[in-house]
Amino acid sequence: MRRLEFASLQVINLEASKDFYTNKLGFEEAGIPNPQACVFKYKQGEASFAIRTPISNLEGKELGIGTSLWFAIDEEIEDLQAELVAKQVMLLGPIQVTPFGKILIAKDPDGYNITFLKAN
């Protein structure tokens, strides 16, 4: 296996999560009709993933533990941080410097970590 083709996150409340990803993080819906899922595109389709209703019973389970999706960004990470703070997005700490570049981690409504990377 050489490439991850697609990622899908199971969410408790599809509409609340759709609102978070579109209005707070700036993802665009891909326009693929599906009552059980919402597919997103980001930056003219360079990355796509979906959120979906649960496949199995998730009652009492923590969904996002140990999961992080990483998205490369072109803008300055400090500008993105200011934008997310203004939109009251929960950030998991300040901007961090890693061997890959600067990262900023947001937490979605189901506990998934959404990591934004400004590469070196």
PDB file of N, CA and C in Angstrom:
ATOM      1  N   MET A   1       0.844  -1.174   0.000  1.00  0.00           N
ATOM      2  CA  MET A   1       0.000   0.000   0.000  1.00  0.00           C
ATOM      3  C   MET A   1       0.890   1.237   0.000  1.00  0.00           C
ATOM      4  N   ARG A   2       0.539   2.190  -0.865  1.00  0.00           N
ATOM      5  CA  ARG A   2       1.369   3.373  -1.003  1.00  0.00           C
ATOM      6  C   ARG A   2       0.654   4.676  -0.719  1.00  0.00           C
ATOM      7  N   ARG A   3      -0.659   4.683  -0.752  1.00  0.00           N
ATOM      8  CA  ARG A   3      -1.358   5.959  -0.648  1.00  0.00           C
ATOM      9  C   ARG A   3      -2.706   5.768   0.036  1.00  0.00           C
ATOM     10  N   LEU A   4      -2.994   6.686   0.945  1.00  0.00           N
ATOM     11  CA  LEU A   4      -4.315   6.711   1.554  1.00  0.00           C
ATOM     12  C   LEU A   4      -5.244   7.412   0.583  1.00  0.00           C
ATOM     13  N   GLU A   5      -6.261   6.737   0.136  1.00  0.00           N
ATOM     14  CA  GLU A   5      -7.170   7.284  -0.869  1.00  0.00           C
ATOM     15  C   GLU A   5      -8.224   8.204  -0.265  1.00  0.00           C
ATOM     16  N   PHE A   6      -8.701   7.859   0.938  1.00  0.00           N
ATOM     17  CA  PHE A   6      -9.815   8.609   1.489  1.00  0.00           C
ATOM     18  C   PHE A   6      -9.901   8.330   2.980  1.00  0.00           C
ATOM     19  N   ALA A   7     -10.409   9.281   3.746  1.00  0.00           N
ATOM     20  CA  ALA A   7     -10.621   9.094   5.181  1.00  0.00           C
ATOM     21  C   ALA A   7     -12.059   9.474   5.511  1.00  0.00           C
ATOM     22  N   SER A   8     -12.643   8.764   6.459  1.00  0.00           N
ATOM     23  CA  SER A   8     -14.013   9.027   6.882  1.00  0.00           C
ATOM     24  C   SER A   8     -14.067   8.939   8.401  1.00  0.00           C
ATOM     25  N   LEU A   9     -14.652   9.953   9.031  1.00  0.00           N
ATOM     26  CA  LEU A   9     -14.794   9.980  10.478  1.00  0.00           C
ATOM     27  C   LEU A   9     -16.259   9.760  10.853  1.00  0.00           C
ATOM     28  N   GLN A  10     -16.517   8.875  11.785  1.00  0.00           N
ATOM     29  CA  GLN A  10     -17.868   8.677  12.287  1.00  0.00           C
ATOM     30  C   GLN A  10     -18.159   9.751  13.324  1.00  0.00           C
ATOM     31  N   VAL A  11     -19.321  10.373  13.240  1.00  0.00           N
ATOM     32  CA  VAL A  11     -19.681  11.456  14.150  1.00  0.00           C
ATOM     33  C   VAL A  11     -21.040  11.187  14.775  1.00  0.00           C
ATOM     34  N   ILE A  12     -21.241  11.749  15.945  1.00  0.00           N
ATOM     35  CA  ILE A  12     -22.508  11.562  16.654  1.00  0.00           C
ATOM     36  C   ILE A  12     -23.620  12.385  16.016  1.00  0.00           C
ATOM     37  N   ASN A  13     -23.334  13.663  15.704  1.00  0.00           N
ATOM     38  CA  ASN A  13     -24.349  14.572  15.169  1.00  0.00           C
ATOM     39  C   ASN A  13     -23.843  15.117  13.830  1.00  0.00           C
ATOM     40  N   LEU A  14     -24.347  14.571  12.744  1.00  0.00           N
ATOM     41  CA  LEU A  14     -23.867  14.925  11.408  1.00  0.00           C
ATOM     42  C   LEU A  14     -24.023  16.415  11.125  1.00  0.00           C
ATOM     43  N   GLU A  15     -25.165  16.997  11.462  1.00  0.00           N
ATOM     44  CA  GLU A  15     -25.399  18.417  11.160  1.00  0.00           C
ATOM     45  C   GLU A  15     -24.478  19.328  11.965  1.00  0.00           C
ATOM     46  N   ALA A  16     -24.275  19.026  13.252  1.00  0.00           N
ATOM     47  CA  ALA A  16     -23.378  19.837  14.080  1.00  0.00           C
ATOM     48  C   ALA A  16     -21.941  19.733  13.574  1.00  0.00           C
ATOM     49  N   SER A  17     -21.521  18.552  13.195  1.00  0.00           N
ATOM     50  CA  SER A  17     -20.162  18.373  12.689  1.00  0.00           C
ATOM     51  C   SER A  17     -19.991  19.042  11.329  1.00  0.00           C
ATOM     52  N   LYS A  18     -21.015  18.956  10.482  1.00  0.00           N
ATOM     53  CA  LYS A  18     -20.971  19.631   9.181  1.00  0.00           C
ATOM     54  C   LYS A  18     -20.817  21.135   9.374  1.00  0.00           C
ATOM     55  N   ASP A  19     -21.559  21.703  10.317  1.00  0.00           N
ATOM     56  CA  ASP A  19     -21.449  23.130  10.623  1.00  0.00           C
ATOM     57  C   ASP A  19     -20.036  23.478  11.097  1.00  0.00           C
ATOM     58  N   PHE A  20     -19.456  22.662  11.961  1.00  0.00           N
ATOM     59  CA  PHE A  20     -18.102  22.900  12.467  1.00  0.00           C
ATOM     60  C   PHE A  20     -17.087  22.914  11.332  1.00  0.00           C
ATOM     61  N   TYR A  21     -17.114  21.901  10.481  1.00  0.00           N
ATOM     62  CA  TYR A  21     -16.115  21.796   9.417  1.00  0.00           C
ATOM     63  C   TYR A  21     -16.277  22.876   8.344  1.00  0.00           C
ATOM     64  N   THR A  22     -17.503  23.286   8.055  1.00  0.00           N
ATOM     65  CA  THR A  22     -17.695  24.307   7.019  1.00  0.00           C
ATOM     66  C   THR A  22     -17.547  25.717   7.576  1.00  0.00           C
ATOM     67  N   ASN A  23     -18.241  26.026   8.653  1.00  0.00           N
ATOM     68  CA  ASN A  23     -18.269  27.398   9.143  1.00  0.00           C
ATOM     69  C   ASN A  23     -17.118  27.774  10.062  1.00  0.00           C
ATOM     70  N   LYS A  24     -16.512  26.815  10.726  1.00  0.00           N
ATOM     71  CA  LYS A  24     -15.401  27.135  11.628  1.00  0.00           C
ATOM     72  C   LYS A  24     -14.047  26.843  10.998  1.00  0.00           C
ATOM     73  N   LEU A  25     -13.926  25.702  10.304  1.00  0.00           N
ATOM     74  CA  LEU A  25     -12.625  25.346   9.729  1.00  0.00           C
ATOM     75  C   LEU A  25     -12.479  25.737   8.263  1.00  0.00           C
ATOM     76  N   GLY A  26     -13.564  26.041   7.580  1.00  0.00           N
ATOM     77  CA  GLY A  26     -13.465  26.522   6.209  1.00  0.00           C
ATOM     78  C   GLY A  26     -13.448  25.465   5.124  1.00  0.00           C
ATOM     79  N   PHE A  27     -13.812  24.233   5.447  1.00  0.00           N
ATOM     80  CA  PHE A  27     -13.893  23.201   4.412  1.00  0.00           C
ATOM     81  C   PHE A  27     -15.150  23.431   3.585  1.00  0.00           C
ATOM     82  N   GLU A  28     -15.126  22.979   2.336  1.00  0.00           N
ATOM     83  CA  GLU A  28     -16.278  23.084   1.439  1.00  0.00           C
ATOM     84  C   GLU A  28     -16.861  21.699   1.214  1.00  0.00           C
ATOM     85  N   GLU A  29     -18.194  21.642   1.171  1.00  0.00           N
ATOM     86  CA  GLU A  29     -18.825  20.383   0.816  1.00  0.00           C
ATOM     87  C   GLU A  29     -18.528  20.073  -0.645  1.00  0.00           C
ATOM     88  N   ALA A  30     -18.325  18.807  -0.945  1.00  0.00           N
ATOM     89  CA  ALA A  30     -17.985  18.395  -2.303  1.00  0.00           C
ATOM     90  C   ALA A  30     -19.204  18.297  -3.201  1.00  0.00           C
ATOM     91  N   GLY A  31     -20.403  18.402  -2.637  1.00  0.00           N
ATOM     92  CA  GLY A  31     -21.615  18.340  -3.451  1.00  0.00           C
ATOM     93  C   GLY A  31     -22.012  16.935  -3.841  1.00  0.00           C
ATOM     94  N   ILE A  32     -21.609  15.962  -3.046  1.00  0.00           N
ATOM     95  CA  ILE A  32     -21.966  14.563  -3.297  1.00  0.00           C
ATOM     96  C   ILE A  32     -23.123  14.223  -2.358  1.00  0.00           C
ATOM     97  N   PRO A  33     -24.345  14.113  -2.886  1.00  0.00           N
ATOM     98  CA  PRO A  33     -25.498  13.889  -2.011  1.00  0.00           C
ATOM     99  C   PRO A  33     -25.458  12.522  -1.330  1.00  0.00           C
ATOM    100  N   ASN A  34     -25.588  12.549  -0.005  1.00  0.00           N
ATOM    101  CA  ASN A  34     -25.631  11.319   0.765  1.00  0.00           C
ATOM    102  C   ASN A  34     -26.241  11.670   2.121  1.00  0.00           C
ATOM    103  N   PRO A  35     -27.412  11.159   2.453  1.00  0.00           N
ATOM    104  CA  PRO A  35     -28.058  11.520   3.719  1.00  0.00           C
ATOM    105  C   PRO A  35     -27.317  11.017   4.954  1.00  0.00           C
ATOM    106  N   GLN A  36     -26.391  10.082   4.790  1.00  0.00           N
ATOM    107  CA  GLN A  36     -25.657   9.527   5.923  1.00  0.00           C
ATOM    108  C   GLN A  36     -24.240  10.079   6.041  1.00  0.00           C
ATOM    109  N   ALA A  37     -23.858  10.974   5.133  1.00  0.00           N
ATOM    110  CA  ALA A  37     -22.476  11.458   5.153  1.00  0.00           C
ATOM    111  C   ALA A  37     -22.382  12.838   4.520  1.00  0.00           C
ATOM    112  N   CYS A  38     -21.271  13.482   4.775  1.00  0.00           N
ATOM    113  CA  CYS A  38     -20.938  14.745   4.131  1.00  0.00           C
ATOM    114  C   CYS A  38     -19.483  14.648   3.698  1.00  0.00           C
ATOM    115  N   VAL A  39     -19.244  14.761   2.401  1.00  0.00           N
ATOM    116  CA  VAL A  39     -17.886  14.715   1.858  1.00  0.00           C
ATOM    117  C   VAL A  39     -17.410  16.150   1.689  1.00  0.00           C
ATOM    118  N   PHE A  40     -16.174  16.396   2.112  1.00  0.00           N
ATOM    119  CA  PHE A  40     -15.594  17.733   2.030  1.00  0.00           C
ATOM    120  C   PHE A  40     -14.455  17.772   1.029  1.00  0.00           C
ATOM    121  N   LYS A  41     -14.286  18.945   0.439  1.00  0.00           N
ATOM    122  CA  LYS A  41     -13.088  19.218  -0.340  1.00  0.00           C
ATOM    123  C   LYS A  41     -12.425  20.420   0.320  1.00  0.00           C
ATOM    124  N   TYR A  42     -11.157  20.582   0.144  1.00  0.00           N
ATOM    125  CA  TYR A  42     -10.419  21.678   0.760  1.00  0.00           C
ATOM    126  C   TYR A  42      -9.445  22.212  -0.265  1.00  0.00           C
ATOM    127  N   LYS A  43      -9.420  23.498  -0.441  1.00  0.00           N
ATOM    128  CA  LYS A  43      -8.500  24.142  -1.397  1.00  0.00           C
ATOM    129  C   LYS A  43      -8.624  23.519  -2.787  1.00  0.00           C
ATOM    130  N   GLN A  44      -9.763  23.683  -3.394  1.00  0.00           N
ATOM    131  CA  GLN A  44     -10.069  23.161  -4.723  1.00  0.00           C
ATOM    132  C   GLN A  44      -9.834  21.656  -4.838  1.00  0.00           C
ATOM    133  N   GLY A  45     -10.208  20.919  -3.814  1.00  0.00           N
ATOM    134  CA  GLY A  45     -10.187  19.460  -3.894  1.00  0.00           C
ATOM    135  C   GLY A  45      -8.843  18.809  -3.669  1.00  0.00           C
ATOM    136  N   GLU A  46      -7.848  19.542  -3.149  1.00  0.00           N
ATOM    137  CA  GLU A  46      -6.540  18.934  -2.927  1.00  0.00           C
ATOM    138  C   GLU A  46      -6.594  17.854  -1.851  1.00  0.00           C
ATOM    139  N   ALA A  47      -7.514  17.989  -0.915  1.00  0.00           N
ATOM    140  CA  ALA A  47      -7.711  16.968   0.112  1.00  0.00           C
ATOM    141  C   ALA A  47      -9.202  16.746   0.244  1.00  0.00           C
ATOM    142  N   SER A  48      -9.594  15.526   0.409  1.00  0.00           N
ATOM    143  CA  SER A  48     -11.007  15.285   0.655  1.00  0.00           C
ATOM    144  C   SER A  48     -11.144  14.197   1.714  1.00  0.00           C
ATOM    145  N   PHE A  49     -12.215  14.308   2.471  1.00  0.00           N
ATOM    146  CA  PHE A  49     -12.535  13.330   3.501  1.00  0.00           C
ATOM    147  C   PHE A  49     -14.019  13.474   3.785  1.00  0.00           C
ATOM    148  N   ALA A  50     -14.537  12.598   4.630  1.00  0.00           N
ATOM    149  CA  ALA A  50     -15.964  12.649   4.932  1.00  0.00           C
ATOM    150  C   ALA A  50     -16.190  12.507   6.426  1.00  0.00           C
ATOM    151  N   ILE A  51     -17.339  13.025   6.838  1.00  0.00           N
ATOM    152  CA  ILE A  51     -17.884  12.668   8.140  1.00  0.00           C
ATOM    153  C   ILE A  51     -19.147  11.882   7.837  1.00  0.00           C
ATOM    154  N   ARG A  52     -19.486  10.977   8.715  1.00  0.00           N
ATOM    155  CA  ARG A  52     -20.646  10.139   8.434  1.00  0.00           C
ATOM    156  C   ARG A  52     -21.317   9.712   9.720  1.00  0.00           C
ATOM    157  N   THR A  53     -22.576   9.316   9.580  1.00  0.00           N
ATOM    158  CA  THR A  53     -23.295   8.760  10.714  1.00  0.00           C
ATOM    159  C   THR A  53     -22.615   7.446  11.114  1.00  0.00           C
ATOM    160  N   PRO A  54     -22.783   7.028  12.341  1.00  0.00           N
ATOM    161  CA  PRO A  54     -22.096   5.816  12.792  1.00  0.00           C
ATOM    162  C   PRO A  54     -22.465   4.576  11.990  1.00  0.00           C
ATOM    163  N   ILE A  55     -21.468   3.753  11.757  1.00  0.00           N
ATOM    164  CA  ILE A  55     -21.659   2.471  11.080  1.00  0.00           C
ATOM    165  C   ILE A  55     -22.187   1.445  12.074  1.00  0.00           C
ATOM    166  N   SER A  56     -21.720   1.562  13.321  1.00  0.00           N
ATOM    167  CA  SER A  56     -22.192   0.667  14.380  1.00  0.00           C
ATOM    168  C   SER A  56     -22.557   1.514  15.600  1.00  0.00           C
ATOM    169  N   ASN A  57     -23.065   0.890  16.630  1.00  0.00           N
ATOM    170  CA  ASN A  57     -23.481   1.601  17.832  1.00  0.00           C
ATOM    171  C   ASN A  57     -22.265   2.201  18.536  1.00  0.00           C
ATOM    172  N   LEU A  58     -22.265   3.520  18.673  1.00  0.00           N
ATOM    173  CA  LEU A  58     -21.147   4.212  19.311  1.00  0.00           C
ATOM    174  C   LEU A  58     -21.505   4.758  20.686  1.00  0.00           C
ATOM    175  N   GLU A  59     -22.676   4.407  21.177  1.00  0.00           N
ATOM    176  CA  GLU A  59     -23.131   4.931  22.463  1.00  0.00           C
ATOM    177  C   GLU A  59     -22.114   4.635  23.564  1.00  0.00           C
ATOM    178  N   GLY A  60     -21.716   5.686  24.288  1.00  0.00           N
ATOM    179  CA  GLY A  60     -20.781   5.541  25.396  1.00  0.00           C
ATOM    180  C   GLY A  60     -19.328   5.426  24.993  1.00  0.00           C
ATOM    181  N   LYS A  61     -19.021   5.563  23.713  1.00  0.00           N
ATOM    182  CA  LYS A  61     -17.640   5.443  23.236  1.00  0.00           C
ATOM    183  C   LYS A  61     -17.080   6.820  22.916  1.00  0.00           C
ATOM    184  N   GLU A  62     -15.794   7.011  23.165  1.00  0.00           N
ATOM    185  CA  GLU A  62     -15.116   8.243  22.784  1.00  0.00           C
ATOM    186  C   GLU A  62     -14.581   8.064  21.369  1.00  0.00           C
ATOM    187  N   LEU A  63     -15.018   8.925  20.467  1.00  0.00           N
ATOM    188  CA  LEU A  63     -14.705   8.718  19.058  1.00  0.00           C
ATOM    189  C   LEU A  63     -13.298   9.130  18.655  1.00  0.00           C
ATOM    190  N   GLY A  64     -12.857  10.309  19.043  1.00  0.00           N
ATOM    191  CA  GLY A  64     -11.641  10.864  18.465  1.00  0.00           C
ATOM    192  C   GLY A  64     -10.335  10.446  19.101  1.00  0.00           C
ATOM    193  N   ILE A  65     -10.364   9.635  20.122  1.00  0.00           N
ATOM    194  CA  ILE A  65      -9.148   9.279  20.848  1.00  0.00           C
ATOM    195  C   ILE A  65      -8.131   8.642  19.895  1.00  0.00           C
ATOM    196  N   GLY A  66      -6.954   9.259  19.830  1.00  0.00           N
ATOM    197  CA  GLY A  66      -5.855   8.701  19.049  1.00  0.00           C
ATOM    198  C   GLY A  66      -5.909   8.973  17.561  1.00  0.00           C
ATOM    199  N   THR A  67      -6.854   9.778  17.095  1.00  0.00           N
ATOM    200  CA  THR A  67      -6.975  10.040  15.664  1.00  0.00           C
ATOM    201  C   THR A  67      -6.656  11.492  15.365  1.00  0.00           C
ATOM    202  N   SER A  68      -5.838  11.712  14.345  1.00  0.00           N
ATOM    203  CA  SER A  68      -5.535  13.066  13.901  1.00  0.00           C
ATOM    204  C   SER A  68      -5.407  13.069  12.379  1.00  0.00           C
ATOM    205  N   LEU A  69      -6.138  13.977  11.736  1.00  0.00           N
ATOM    206  CA  LEU A  69      -5.985  14.186  10.303  1.00  0.00           C
ATOM    207  C   LEU A  69      -5.104  15.416  10.120  1.00  0.00           C
ATOM    208  N   TRP A  70      -4.153  15.347   9.209  1.00  0.00           N
ATOM    209  CA  TRP A  70      -3.225  16.457   8.965  1.00  0.00           C
ATOM    210  C   TRP A  70      -3.536  17.072   7.604  1.00  0.00           C
ATOM    211  N   PHE A  71      -3.618  18.406   7.582  1.00  0.00           N
ATOM    212  CA  PHE A  71      -3.857  19.160   6.358  1.00  0.00           C
ATOM    213  C   PHE A  71      -2.751  20.195   6.189  1.00  0.00           C
ATOM    214  N   ALA A  72      -2.096  20.166   5.041  1.00  0.00           N
ATOM    215  CA  ALA A  72      -1.088  21.179   4.719  1.00  0.00           C
ATOM    216  C   ALA A  72      -1.806  22.475   4.371  1.00  0.00           C
ATOM    217  N   ILE A  73      -1.238  23.595   4.801  1.00  0.00           N
ATOM    218  CA  ILE A  73      -1.826  24.898   4.501  1.00  0.00           C
ATOM    219  C   ILE A  73      -0.803  25.763   3.776  1.00  0.00           C
ATOM    220  N   ASP A  74      -1.302  26.712   2.979  1.00  0.00           N
ATOM    221  CA  ASP A  74      -0.439  27.662   2.289  1.00  0.00           C
ATOM    222  C   ASP A  74      -0.311  28.971   3.062  1.00  0.00           C
ATOM    223  N   GLU A  75      -1.385  29.333   3.786  1.00  0.00           N
ATOM    224  CA  GLU A  75      -1.379  30.598   4.515  1.00  0.00           C
ATOM    225  C   GLU A  75      -0.435  30.514   5.714  1.00  0.00           C
ATOM    226  N   GLU A  76      -0.189  31.643   6.334  1.00  0.00           N
ATOM    227  CA  GLU A  76       0.638  31.658   7.539  1.00  0.00           C
ATOM    228  C   GLU A  76      -0.142  31.029   8.679  1.00  0.00           C
ATOM    229  N   ILE A  77       0.519  30.192   9.444  1.00  0.00           N
ATOM    230  CA  ILE A  77      -0.173  29.457  10.504  1.00  0.00           C
ATOM    231  C   ILE A  77      -0.655  30.405  11.606  1.00  0.00           C
ATOM    232  N   GLU A  78       0.047  31.507  11.810  1.00  0.00           N
ATOM    233  CA  GLU A  78      -0.381  32.491  12.803  1.00  0.00           C
ATOM    234  C   GLU A  78      -1.712  33.144  12.397  1.00  0.00           C
ATOM    235  N   ASP A  79      -1.898  33.358  11.095  1.00  0.00           N
ATOM    236  CA  ASP A  79      -3.165  33.910  10.598  1.00  0.00           C
ATOM    237  C   ASP A  79      -4.305  32.910  10.808  1.00  0.00           C
ATOM    238  N   LEU A  80      -4.030  31.632  10.533  1.00  0.00           N
ATOM    239  CA  LEU A  80      -5.043  30.595  10.754  1.00  0.00           C
ATOM    240  C   LEU A  80      -5.388  30.505  12.238  1.00  0.00           C
ATOM    241  N   GLN A  81      -4.394  30.569  13.094  1.00  0.00           N
ATOM    242  CA  GLN A  81      -4.633  30.525  14.537  1.00  0.00           C
ATOM    243  C   GLN A  81      -5.562  31.666  14.965  1.00  0.00           C
ATOM    244  N   ALA A  82      -5.290  32.866  14.501  1.00  0.00           N
ATOM    245  CA  ALA A  82      -6.124  34.016  14.854  1.00  0.00           C
ATOM    246  C   ALA A  82      -7.552  33.825  14.360  1.00  0.00           C
ATOM    247  N   GLU A  83      -7.703  33.287  13.160  1.00  0.00           N
ATOM    248  CA  GLU A  83      -9.034  33.040  12.589  1.00  0.00           C
ATOM    249  C   GLU A  83      -9.810  32.011  13.404  1.00  0.00           C
ATOM    250  N   LEU A  84      -9.131  30.927  13.797  1.00  0.00           N
ATOM    251  CA  LEU A  84      -9.807  29.875  14.562  1.00  0.00           C
ATOM    252  C   LEU A  84     -10.161  30.350  15.974  1.00  0.00           C
ATOM    253  N   VAL A  85      -9.285  31.135  16.587  1.00  0.00           N
ATOM    254  CA  VAL A  85      -9.583  31.690  17.908  1.00  0.00           C
ATOM    255  C   VAL A  85     -10.805  32.602  17.824  1.00  0.00           C
ATOM    256  N   ALA A  86     -10.877  33.423  16.782  1.00  0.00           N
ATOM    257  CA  ALA A  86     -12.022  34.329  16.600  1.00  0.00           C
ATOM    258  C   ALA A  86     -13.325  33.552  16.425  1.00  0.00           C
ATOM    259  N   LYS A  87     -13.240  32.343  15.853  1.00  0.00           N
ATOM    260  CA  LYS A  87     -14.425  31.505  15.643  1.00  0.00           C
ATOM    261  C   LYS A  87     -14.682  30.568  16.816  1.00  0.00           C
ATOM    262  N   GLN A  88     -13.917  30.752  17.895  1.00  0.00           N
ATOM    263  CA  GLN A  88     -14.057  29.973  19.126  1.00  0.00           C
ATOM    264  C   GLN A  88     -13.859  28.476  18.917  1.00  0.00           C
ATOM    265  N   VAL A  89     -12.903  28.117  18.043  1.00  0.00           N
ATOM    266  CA  VAL A  89     -12.536  26.717  17.838  1.00  0.00           C
ATOM    267  C   VAL A  89     -11.593  26.307  18.966  1.00  0.00           C
ATOM    268  N   MET A  90     -11.832  25.134  19.559  1.00  0.00           N
ATOM    269  CA  MET A  90     -10.947  24.645  20.616  1.00  0.00           C
ATOM    270  C   MET A  90      -9.606  24.233  20.002  1.00  0.00           C
ATOM    271  N   LEU A  91      -8.545  24.889  20.454  1.00  0.00           N
ATOM    272  CA  LEU A  91      -7.199  24.549  20.002  1.00  0.00           C
ATOM    273  C   LEU A  91      -6.494  23.794  21.120  1.00  0.00           C
ATOM    274  N   LEU A  92      -5.707  22.809  20.721  1.00  0.00           N
ATOM    275  CA  LEU A  92      -4.973  22.002  21.697  1.00  0.00           C
ATOM    276  C   LEU A  92      -3.564  22.566  21.854  1.00  0.00           C
ATOM    277  N   GLY A  93      -3.497  23.712  22.486  1.00  0.00           N
ATOM    278  CA  GLY A  93      -2.209  24.352  22.741  1.00  0.00           C
ATOM    279  C   GLY A  93      -1.839  25.352  21.666  1.00  0.00           C
ATOM    280  N   PRO A  94      -0.672  25.955  21.836  1.00  0.00           N
ATOM    281  CA  PRO A  94      -0.202  26.961  20.883  1.00  0.00           C
ATOM    282  C   PRO A  94       0.377  26.303  19.626  1.00  0.00           C
ATOM    283  N   ILE A  95       0.811  27.122  18.706  1.00  0.00           N
ATOM    284  CA  ILE A  95       1.526  26.632  17.515  1.00  0.00           C
ATOM    285  C   ILE A  95       2.780  25.906  18.001  1.00  0.00           C
ATOM    286  N   GLN A  96       3.035  24.757  17.392  1.00  0.00           N
ATOM    287  CA  GLN A  96       4.214  23.964  17.762  1.00  0.00           C
ATOM    288  C   GLN A  96       5.160  23.871  16.571  1.00  0.00           C
ATOM    289  N   VAL A  97       6.448  23.841  16.862  1.00  0.00           N
ATOM    290  CA  VAL A  97       7.454  23.641  15.820  1.00  0.00           C
ATOM    291  C   VAL A  97       7.837  22.165  15.843  1.00  0.00           C
ATOM    292  N   THR A  98       7.718  21.516  14.684  1.00  0.00           N
ATOM    293  CA  THR A  98       8.050  20.100  14.554  1.00  0.00           C
ATOM    294  C   THR A  98       9.116  19.951  13.468  1.00  0.00           C
ATOM    295  N   PRO A  99       9.674  18.764  13.299  1.00  0.00           N
ATOM    296  CA  PRO A  99      10.625  18.563  12.200  1.00  0.00           C
ATOM    297  C   PRO A  99      10.006  18.782  10.814  1.00  0.00           C
ATOM    298  N   PHE A 100       8.672  18.727  10.727  1.00  0.00           N
ATOM    299  CA  PHE A 100       7.981  18.883   9.447  1.00  0.00           C
ATOM    300  C   PHE A 100       7.626  20.334   9.149  1.00  0.00           C
ATOM    301  N   GLY A 101       7.577  21.167  10.175  1.00  0.00           N
ATOM    302  CA  GLY A 101       7.167  22.555  10.062  1.00  0.00           C
ATOM    303  C   GLY A 101       6.337  22.930  11.276  1.00  0.00           C
ATOM    304  N   LYS A 102       5.618  24.035  11.188  1.00  0.00           N
ATOM    305  CA  LYS A 102       4.769  24.482  12.297  1.00  0.00           C
ATOM    306  C   LYS A 102       3.404  23.823  12.188  1.00  0.00           C
ATOM    307  N   ILE A 103       2.854  23.408  13.355  1.00  0.00           N
ATOM    308  CA  ILE A 103       1.533  22.801  13.375  1.00  0.00           C
ATOM    309  C   ILE A 103       0.627  23.511  14.381  1.00  0.00           C
ATOM    310  N   LEU A 104      -0.656  23.410  14.103  1.00  0.00           N
ATOM    311  CA  LEU A 104      -1.702  23.907  14.982  1.00  0.00           C
ATOM    312  C   LEU A 104      -2.785  22.838  15.006  1.00  0.00           C
ATOM    313  N   ILE A 105      -3.217  22.451  16.200  1.00  0.00           N
ATOM    314  CA  ILE A 105      -4.179  21.351  16.320  1.00  0.00           C
ATOM    315  C   ILE A 105      -5.503  21.869  16.870  1.00  0.00           C
ATOM    316  N   ALA A 106      -6.574  21.599  16.119  1.00  0.00           N
ATOM    317  CA  ALA A 106      -7.936  21.927  16.548  1.00  0.00           C
ATOM    318  C   ALA A 106      -8.638  20.627  16.932  1.00  0.00           C
ATOM    319  N   LYS A 107      -9.608  20.742  17.823  1.00  0.00           N
ATOM    320  CA  LYS A 107     -10.387  19.574  18.236  1.00  0.00           C
ATOM    321  C   LYS A 107     -11.806  19.733  17.714  1.00  0.00           C
ATOM    322  N   ASP A 108     -12.324  18.709  17.034  1.00  0.00           N
ATOM    323  CA  ASP A 108     -13.684  18.794  16.498  1.00  0.00           C
ATOM    324  C   ASP A 108     -14.705  18.374  17.560  1.00  0.00           C
ATOM    325  N   PRO A 109     -16.010  18.501  17.278  1.00  0.00           N
ATOM    326  CA  PRO A 109     -17.018  18.196  18.298  1.00  0.00           C
ATOM    327  C   PRO A 109     -16.997  16.764  18.824  1.00  0.00           C
ATOM    328  N   ASP A 110     -16.428  15.829  18.069  1.00  0.00           N
ATOM    329  CA  ASP A 110     -16.372  14.433  18.512  1.00  0.00           C
ATOM    330  C   ASP A 110     -15.010  14.042  19.072  1.00  0.00           C
ATOM    331  N   GLY A 111     -14.107  15.021  19.228  1.00  0.00           N
ATOM    332  CA  GLY A 111     -12.804  14.752  19.819  1.00  0.00           C
ATOM    333  C   GLY A 111     -11.704  14.393  18.839  1.00  0.00           C
ATOM    334  N   TYR A 112     -11.975  14.456  17.542  1.00  0.00           N
ATOM    335  CA  TYR A 112     -10.920  14.203  16.556  1.00  0.00           C
ATOM    336  C   TYR A 112      -9.970  15.395  16.494  1.00  0.00           C
ATOM    337  N   ASN A 113      -8.677  15.126  16.409  1.00  0.00           N
ATOM    338  CA  ASN A 113      -7.689  16.178  16.251  1.00  0.00           C
ATOM    339  C   ASN A 113      -7.527  16.501  14.775  1.00  0.00           C
ATOM    340  N   ILE A 114      -7.677  17.775  14.437  1.00  0.00           N
ATOM    341  CA  ILE A 114      -7.472  18.237  13.070  1.00  0.00           C
ATOM    342  C   ILE A 114      -6.209  19.086  13.100  1.00  0.00           C
ATOM    343  N   THR A 115      -5.146  18.592  12.504  1.00  0.00           N
ATOM    344  CA  THR A 115      -3.842  19.237  12.555  1.00  0.00           C
ATOM    345  C   THR A 115      -3.585  19.959  11.252  1.00  0.00           C
ATOM    346  N   PHE A 116      -3.211  21.229  11.365  1.00  0.00           N
ATOM    347  CA  PHE A 116      -2.850  22.042  10.206  1.00  0.00           C
ATOM    348  C   PHE A 116      -1.344  22.223  10.214  1.00  0.00           C
ATOM    349  N   LEU A 117      -0.708  21.967   9.074  1.00  0.00           N
ATOM    350  CA  LEU A 117       0.736  22.012   8.934  1.00  0.00           C
ATOM    351  C   LEU A 117       1.166  23.075   7.949  1.00  0.00           C
ATOM    352  N   LYS A 118       2.037  23.956   8.395  1.00  0.00           N
ATOM    353  CA  LYS A 118       2.732  24.893   7.504  1.00  0.00           C
ATOM    354  C   LYS A 118       4.140  24.349   7.363  1.00  0.00           C
ATOM    355  N   ALA A 119       4.401  23.678   6.249  1.00  0.00           N
ATOM    356  CA  ALA A 119       5.669  22.979   6.054  1.00  0.00           C
ATOM    357  C   ALA A 119       6.844  23.966   5.990  1.00  0.00           C
ATOM    358  N   ASN A 120       8.008  23.449   6.355  1.00  0.00           N
ATOM    359  CA  ASN A 120       9.245  24.248   6.281  1.00  0.00           C
ATOM    360  C   ASN A 120       9.550  24.638   4.850  1.00  0.00           C
TER     361      ASN A 120
END
